[in-house]
Amino acid sequence: MKRALPILAVLVVLLAAIAVANPFFLEPAGFLAFLKRAAPLVILAAGQYFVIVSGEFDLSVGSLVTAEVVIAARLIDGDESATWPVLALLVVVGLLVGLVNGVVTTKLRVPSFIVTLGMLLVLSGAVFLWTGGAPRGALSEGFRVFGRGGLGPLPWSVLILLAMGAAAIWLMRADFGKTLIATGDNERAAALSGVRVDRAKIFAFMLSGLSAAVTAILLGGFAGVSAQVGQGLEFSAITAVVLGGVVLGGGRGSVLAAMAGAVTLEALFTLLNLYGISGALEFTVQGVIIIAAVAAGAIRLPRKFTPRRGDAHAAS
């Protein structure tokens, strides 16, 4: 919890600024509408956190979100009876993409940056080939209710966010979380101590794929079918994670802080929009945050000294 305090303080300041600019934000309906918009990014950031804290990257989540929305629209095509089978298929596809990313990264020893960048291109190309740039089909009302509807005053997206957030926090407090952090902190030491490093990383990638599937379901319901629905989300998720104080390179950081970072990023974009600042600056803001976070991490965590072979002989 202590690791999340700085980003939570920033979040409170931003929320107060939004409330000043738009008093409706203080009402339950206004705040729930904000959480509804933030939920997809928060869930995606939680999945990205698992990968980053293990010492890897997942750049494929944005294109995976797009692919899943397009697949859902094409397969459902307005047929209510196909809704639940397609929802199950989306979850399976997300897990399989994560599995492929994890296996290629760990078993073939290909850097995750390259693996997931390649997966991004594969999925983007497949979507364009299948749709010709113009998605076909339609999502059913039963599908869209997850992005638009709710249980009483609470939107489904907020309820799903709470459930997945609680599950993420529980996972990081369980043995898996300790294993994942140990892996990201020092992979070789973790392996020597008996940790199944490859299995932990593969599971982290699968969790990232699962979070992308859930994000696709929420965004499809909220925004509809588009070939650009997931564009740039991979960078937004990474920005949110580092904004939450998670160290790029792994081994340090809190999943609660990562999710708070996503809410903070959404609050920042909301505030910029309220003051009429162009949305084109969003990528600039994300870039500045990533560079600043990496620079701050380099200052706080200097490289460990590794003696050269000659130095070791001299010392002996």
Protein backbone atom coordinates (compact mmCIF):
# COMPACT_ATOMS: atom_id res chain seq x y z
CA MET A 1 0.00 0.00 0.00
CA LYS A 2 2.87 2.39 0.81
CA ARG A 3 4.18 2.09 -2.75
CA ALA A 4 0.83 3.30 -4.06
CA LEU A 5 0.65 6.41 -1.84
CA PRO A 6 2.55 8.81 -4.18
CA ILE A 7 0.42 8.02 -7.23
CA LEU A 8 -2.75 8.06 -5.12
CA ALA A 9 -1.82 11.57 -3.93
CA VAL A 10 -1.38 12.70 -7.54
CA LEU A 11 -4.71 11.10 -8.42
CA VAL A 12 -6.51 12.98 -5.64
CA VAL A 13 -5.08 16.29 -6.90
CA LEU A 14 -6.21 15.56 -10.47
CA LEU A 15 -9.68 14.50 -9.37
CA ALA A 16 -10.01 17.71 -7.37
CA ALA A 17 -8.97 19.73 -10.42
CA ILE A 18 -11.57 17.92 -12.55
CA ALA A 19 -14.23 18.63 -9.93
CA VAL A 20 -13.37 22.33 -10.03
CA ALA A 21 -13.64 22.42 -13.81
CA ASN A 22 -16.79 20.25 -13.88
CA PRO A 23 -18.88 20.18 -10.66
CA PHE A 24 -21.03 17.35 -12.10
CA PHE A 25 -18.00 15.10 -11.59
CA LEU A 26 -18.68 15.14 -7.83
CA GLU A 27 -22.07 13.52 -8.30
CA PRO A 28 -22.24 9.69 -8.21
CA ALA A 29 -23.36 9.50 -11.85
CA GLY A 30 -20.46 11.67 -13.00
CA PHE A 31 -17.81 9.76 -11.05
CA LEU A 32 -19.18 6.37 -12.16
CA ALA A 33 -19.11 7.57 -15.78
CA PHE A 34 -15.42 8.41 -15.29
CA LEU A 35 -14.67 4.98 -13.79
CA LYS A 36 -16.58 3.37 -16.65
CA ARG A 37 -14.27 5.07 -19.17
CA ALA A 38 -11.17 4.22 -17.14
CA ALA A 39 -12.02 0.55 -16.51
CA PRO A 40 -10.63 -0.90 -19.80
CA LEU A 41 -7.25 0.81 -19.38
CA VAL A 42 -7.03 -0.13 -15.68
CA ILE A 43 -7.67 -3.80 -16.48
CA LEU A 44 -5.16 -3.72 -19.34
CA ALA A 45 -2.57 -2.05 -17.08
CA ALA A 46 -3.03 -4.77 -14.45
CA GLY A 47 -2.23 -7.40 -17.08
CA GLN A 48 0.75 -5.41 -18.36
CA TYR A 49 2.00 -5.12 -14.77
CA PHE A 50 2.40 -8.90 -14.45
CA VAL A 51 4.61 -8.97 -17.54
CA ILE A 52 6.69 -5.90 -16.67
CA VAL A 53 7.32 -6.90 -13.06
CA SER A 54 8.63 -10.23 -14.35
CA GLY A 55 11.20 -8.34 -16.42
CA GLU A 56 9.47 -8.50 -19.83
CA PHE A 57 7.23 -6.40 -22.13
CA ASP A 58 3.97 -7.06 -23.96
CA LEU A 59 3.48 -4.80 -26.97
CA SER A 60 0.80 -6.99 -28.54
CA VAL A 61 -2.15 -6.09 -26.30
CA GLY A 62 -3.45 -3.17 -28.37
CA SER A 63 -3.63 -5.16 -31.60
CA LEU A 64 -5.07 -8.12 -29.66
CA VAL A 65 -7.90 -5.89 -28.40
CA THR A 66 -8.64 -4.76 -31.96
CA ALA A 67 -8.52 -8.31 -33.32
CA GLU A 68 -10.89 -9.61 -30.66
CA VAL A 69 -13.48 -6.87 -31.25
CA VAL A 70 -13.36 -7.50 -35.00
CA ILE A 71 -13.62 -11.29 -34.51
CA ALA A 72 -16.57 -10.86 -32.16
CA ALA A 73 -18.48 -8.64 -34.58
CA ARG A 74 -17.86 -10.97 -37.50
CA LEU A 75 -18.88 -14.12 -35.64
CA ILE A 76 -21.88 -12.71 -33.76
CA ASP A 77 -23.24 -10.51 -36.58
CA GLY A 78 -26.20 -9.48 -34.44
CA ASP A 79 -27.13 -13.03 -33.39
CA GLU A 80 -27.91 -13.05 -29.64
CA SER A 81 -27.52 -16.83 -29.40
CA ALA A 82 -23.86 -16.54 -30.42
CA THR A 83 -22.97 -14.04 -27.69
CA TRP A 84 -21.79 -16.36 -24.91
CA PRO A 85 -19.90 -18.83 -27.14
CA VAL A 86 -18.06 -15.90 -28.73
CA LEU A 87 -17.29 -14.37 -25.32
CA ALA A 88 -15.74 -17.69 -24.28
CA LEU A 89 -13.80 -17.81 -27.56
CA LEU A 90 -12.38 -14.32 -26.96
CA VAL A 91 -11.07 -15.37 -23.55
CA VAL A 92 -9.48 -18.49 -25.05
CA VAL A 93 -7.88 -16.46 -27.87
CA GLY A 94 -6.45 -14.00 -25.37
CA LEU A 95 -4.96 -16.81 -23.29
CA LEU A 96 -3.54 -18.53 -26.39
CA VAL A 97 -1.86 -15.35 -27.66
CA GLY A 98 -0.34 -14.86 -24.21
CA LEU A 99 0.77 -18.49 -24.18
CA VAL A 100 2.50 -18.13 -27.56
CA ASN A 101 4.22 -14.92 -26.45
CA GLY A 102 5.38 -16.54 -23.23
CA VAL A 103 6.61 -19.79 -24.78
CA VAL A 104 8.57 -18.09 -27.57
CA THR A 105 10.10 -15.66 -25.06
CA THR A 106 11.12 -18.26 -22.48
CA LYS A 107 11.78 -21.43 -24.47
CA LEU A 108 13.31 -19.94 -27.62
CA ARG A 109 15.02 -17.12 -25.68
CA VAL A 110 13.77 -14.42 -28.02
CA PRO A 111 13.50 -10.99 -26.29
CA SER A 112 9.89 -10.26 -25.37
CA PHE A 113 10.12 -6.85 -27.02
CA ILE A 114 10.74 -8.55 -30.37
CA VAL A 115 8.23 -11.37 -29.79
CA THR A 116 5.34 -9.11 -28.87
CA LEU A 117 6.22 -6.53 -31.51
CA GLY A 118 6.05 -9.36 -34.04
CA MET A 119 2.71 -10.51 -32.60
CA LEU A 120 1.43 -6.93 -32.86
CA LEU A 121 2.28 -6.91 -36.57
CA VAL A 122 0.82 -10.38 -37.13
CA LEU A 123 -2.49 -9.48 -35.48
CA SER A 124 -2.68 -6.06 -37.18
CA GLY A 125 -2.01 -7.63 -40.57
CA ALA A 126 -4.56 -10.39 -39.97
CA VAL A 127 -7.24 -7.86 -39.02
CA PHE A 128 -6.56 -5.76 -42.12
CA LEU A 129 -6.52 -8.83 -44.38
CA TRP A 130 -9.80 -10.11 -42.92
CA THR A 131 -11.65 -6.77 -42.93
CA GLY A 132 -10.00 -4.83 -45.74
CA GLY A 133 -9.82 -1.93 -43.29
CA ALA A 134 -13.60 -1.87 -42.79
CA PRO A 135 -14.86 -4.31 -40.10
CA ARG A 136 -18.02 -6.21 -40.96
CA GLY A 137 -20.71 -7.69 -38.76
CA ALA A 138 -22.37 -6.35 -35.64
CA LEU A 139 -22.19 -6.97 -31.91
CA SER A 140 -25.33 -8.20 -30.19
CA GLU A 141 -27.06 -6.27 -27.42
CA GLY A 142 -26.10 -9.08 -25.05
CA PHE A 143 -22.45 -8.38 -25.85
CA ARG A 144 -22.72 -4.60 -25.66
CA VAL A 145 -24.40 -4.66 -22.27
CA PHE A 146 -20.98 -5.25 -20.65
CA GLY A 147 -19.78 -1.89 -21.92
CA ARG A 148 -23.03 0.03 -21.68
CA GLY A 149 -25.29 -1.59 -19.09
CA GLY A 150 -25.02 -2.24 -15.40
CA LEU A 151 -26.42 -3.78 -12.26
CA GLY A 152 -28.59 -1.05 -10.82
CA PRO A 153 -26.57 2.20 -10.68
CA LEU A 154 -23.23 0.37 -11.05
CA PRO A 155 -21.97 -0.18 -14.61
CA TRP A 156 -20.87 -3.71 -15.45
CA SER A 157 -17.47 -2.35 -16.45
CA VAL A 158 -16.91 -1.01 -12.93
CA LEU A 159 -18.02 -4.28 -11.34
CA ILE A 160 -15.72 -6.26 -13.65
CA LEU A 161 -12.91 -3.83 -12.82
CA LEU A 162 -13.41 -4.37 -9.08
CA ALA A 163 -13.44 -8.16 -9.51
CA MET A 164 -10.31 -8.26 -11.67
CA GLY A 165 -8.53 -5.73 -9.49
CA ALA A 166 -9.21 -7.83 -6.39
CA ALA A 167 -8.00 -10.95 -8.21
CA ALA A 168 -4.78 -9.19 -9.31
CA ILE A 169 -4.04 -8.02 -5.77
CA TRP A 170 -4.72 -11.51 -4.40
CA LEU A 171 -2.40 -13.08 -6.98
CA MET A 172 0.45 -10.73 -6.07
CA ARG A 173 0.02 -11.47 -2.37
CA ALA A 174 0.03 -15.21 -3.01
CA ASP A 175 3.12 -17.32 -3.71
CA PHE A 176 2.81 -16.56 -7.42
CA GLY A 177 3.34 -12.86 -6.78
CA LYS A 178 6.48 -13.47 -4.74
CA THR A 179 7.76 -15.79 -7.46
CA LEU A 180 7.08 -13.21 -10.16
CA ILE A 181 8.86 -10.40 -8.31
CA ALA A 182 11.84 -12.64 -7.54
CA THR A 183 12.02 -13.57 -11.22
CA GLY A 184 12.01 -9.95 -12.33
CA ASP A 185 14.52 -8.87 -9.69
CA ASN A 186 17.14 -11.53 -10.46
CA GLU A 187 16.14 -14.28 -12.84
CA ARG A 188 19.27 -16.39 -12.34
CA ALA A 189 19.13 -16.23 -8.55
CA ALA A 190 15.44 -17.12 -8.62
CA ALA A 191 16.14 -20.14 -10.86
CA LEU A 192 18.97 -21.31 -8.60
CA SER A 193 16.66 -21.08 -5.59
CA GLY A 194 14.18 -23.44 -7.25
CA VAL A 195 11.77 -20.98 -8.84
CA ARG A 196 10.26 -22.16 -12.14
CA VAL A 197 11.10 -18.96 -13.96
CA ASP A 198 9.78 -19.96 -17.38
CA ARG A 199 6.42 -21.07 -15.99
CA ALA A 200 6.03 -17.83 -14.02
CA LYS A 201 6.72 -15.70 -17.10
CA ILE A 202 4.43 -17.73 -19.34
CA PHE A 203 1.62 -17.36 -16.81
CA ALA A 204 2.30 -13.60 -16.68
CA PHE A 205 1.92 -13.33 -20.47
CA MET A 206 -1.30 -15.36 -20.31
CA LEU A 207 -2.68 -12.99 -17.67
CA SER A 208 -1.83 -10.09 -19.98
CA GLY A 209 -3.67 -11.80 -22.83
CA LEU A 210 -6.66 -12.41 -20.58
CA SER A 211 -6.76 -8.76 -19.55
CA ALA A 212 -6.67 -7.76 -23.23
CA ALA A 213 -9.65 -10.06 -23.90
CA VAL A 214 -11.68 -8.48 -21.10
CA THR A 215 -10.68 -5.01 -22.30
CA ALA A 216 -11.88 -5.90 -25.80
CA ILE A 217 -15.25 -7.02 -24.43
CA LEU A 218 -15.69 -3.75 -22.53
CA LEU A 219 -14.49 -1.50 -25.36
CA GLY A 220 -16.57 -3.36 -27.92
CA GLY A 221 -19.65 -2.80 -25.80
CA PHE A 222 -18.79 0.82 -25.06
CA ALA A 223 -17.42 2.08 -28.38
CA GLY A 224 -18.65 -0.45 -30.93
CA VAL A 225 -16.74 -2.07 -33.80
CA SER A 226 -13.69 -0.32 -35.21
CA ALA A 227 -10.41 -1.40 -36.78
CA GLN A 228 -8.65 1.18 -34.56
CA VAL A 229 -10.34 0.41 -31.24
CA GLY A 230 -7.13 -0.88 -29.64
CA GLN A 231 -4.68 1.43 -31.38
CA GLY A 232 -2.05 2.75 -28.97
CA LEU A 233 -3.43 0.91 -25.96
CA GLU A 234 -0.18 -1.00 -25.46
CA PHE A 235 1.66 2.28 -24.88
CA SER A 236 -1.09 3.64 -22.64
CA ALA A 237 -0.88 0.50 -20.50
CA ILE A 238 2.92 0.72 -20.20
CA THR A 239 2.66 4.43 -19.37
CA ALA A 240 0.11 3.69 -16.65
CA VAL A 241 2.32 1.01 -15.13
CA VAL A 242 5.44 3.17 -14.98
CA LEU A 243 3.37 6.12 -13.75
CA GLY A 244 2.44 3.86 -10.85
CA GLY A 245 6.11 3.52 -9.96
CA VAL A 246 6.72 0.04 -11.39
CA VAL A 247 10.32 -0.32 -12.51
CA LEU A 248 10.87 -1.16 -16.17
CA GLY A 249 13.15 -4.16 -16.02
CA GLY A 250 11.14 -5.91 -13.34
CA GLY A 251 11.39 -6.88 -9.71
CA ARG A 252 9.81 -3.81 -8.11
CA GLY A 253 6.35 -2.32 -8.07
CA SER A 254 2.80 -2.78 -6.83
CA VAL A 255 -0.16 -3.91 -8.91
CA LEU A 256 -2.39 -1.53 -6.94
CA ALA A 257 -0.07 1.34 -7.86
CA ALA A 258 -0.11 0.24 -11.52
CA MET A 259 -3.91 0.30 -11.58
CA ALA A 260 -3.91 3.66 -9.79
CA GLY A 261 -1.51 4.87 -12.48
CA ALA A 262 -4.08 3.94 -15.14
CA VAL A 263 -6.83 5.86 -13.33
CA THR A 264 -4.44 8.82 -12.95
CA LEU A 265 -3.62 8.77 -16.65
CA GLU A 266 -7.33 8.73 -17.53
CA ALA A 267 -7.90 11.60 -15.08
CA LEU A 268 -5.08 13.59 -16.70
CA PHE A 269 -6.55 13.10 -20.17
CA THR A 270 -10.00 14.06 -18.86
CA LEU A 271 -8.60 17.25 -17.34
CA LEU A 272 -6.78 18.17 -20.56
CA ASN A 273 -10.01 17.65 -22.48
CA LEU A 274 -11.99 19.82 -20.06
CA TYR A 275 -9.55 22.67 -20.61
CA GLY A 276 -9.76 22.28 -24.38
CA ILE A 277 -6.24 20.98 -24.87
CA SER A 278 -5.87 18.89 -28.01
CA GLY A 279 -6.14 15.14 -27.63
CA ALA A 280 -3.18 14.88 -30.01
CA LEU A 281 -0.98 15.69 -27.01
CA GLU A 282 -1.89 12.42 -25.30
CA PHE A 283 0.93 10.51 -26.99
CA THR A 284 3.36 13.33 -26.15
CA VAL A 285 2.33 13.17 -22.49
CA GLN A 286 2.74 9.38 -22.45
CA GLY A 287 6.20 9.66 -24.00
CA VAL A 288 7.32 12.23 -21.44
CA ILE A 289 6.02 10.06 -18.58
CA ILE A 290 7.85 6.95 -19.83
CA ILE A 291 11.16 8.80 -20.33
CA ALA A 292 10.88 10.50 -16.93
CA ALA A 293 10.01 7.23 -15.19
CA VAL A 294 12.95 5.38 -16.75
CA ALA A 295 15.32 8.24 -15.90
CA ALA A 296 14.07 8.35 -12.30
CA GLY A 297 14.47 4.59 -12.01
CA ALA A 298 18.05 4.81 -13.29
CA ILE A 299 18.87 7.43 -10.65
CA ARG A 300 17.26 5.52 -7.77
CA LEU A 301 18.54 2.10 -8.84
CA PRO A 302 22.13 2.41 -10.12
CA ARG A 303 23.54 -0.53 -11.98
CA LYS A 304 24.93 -3.27 -9.83
CA PHE A 305 28.70 -3.54 -10.02
CA THR A 306 29.78 -6.65 -11.86
CA PRO A 307 33.53 -7.26 -11.60
CA ARG A 308 35.40 -8.07 -14.77
CA ARG A 309 37.43 -11.24 -14.95
CA GLY A 310 40.67 -9.29 -14.67
CA ASP A 311 39.44 -7.42 -11.62
CA ALA A 312 38.50 -10.69 -9.95
CA HIS A 313 42.00 -12.09 -10.49
CA ALA A 314 43.55 -8.89 -9.20
CA ALA A 315 41.44 -9.04 -6.05
CA SER A 316 42.57 -12.60 -5.39
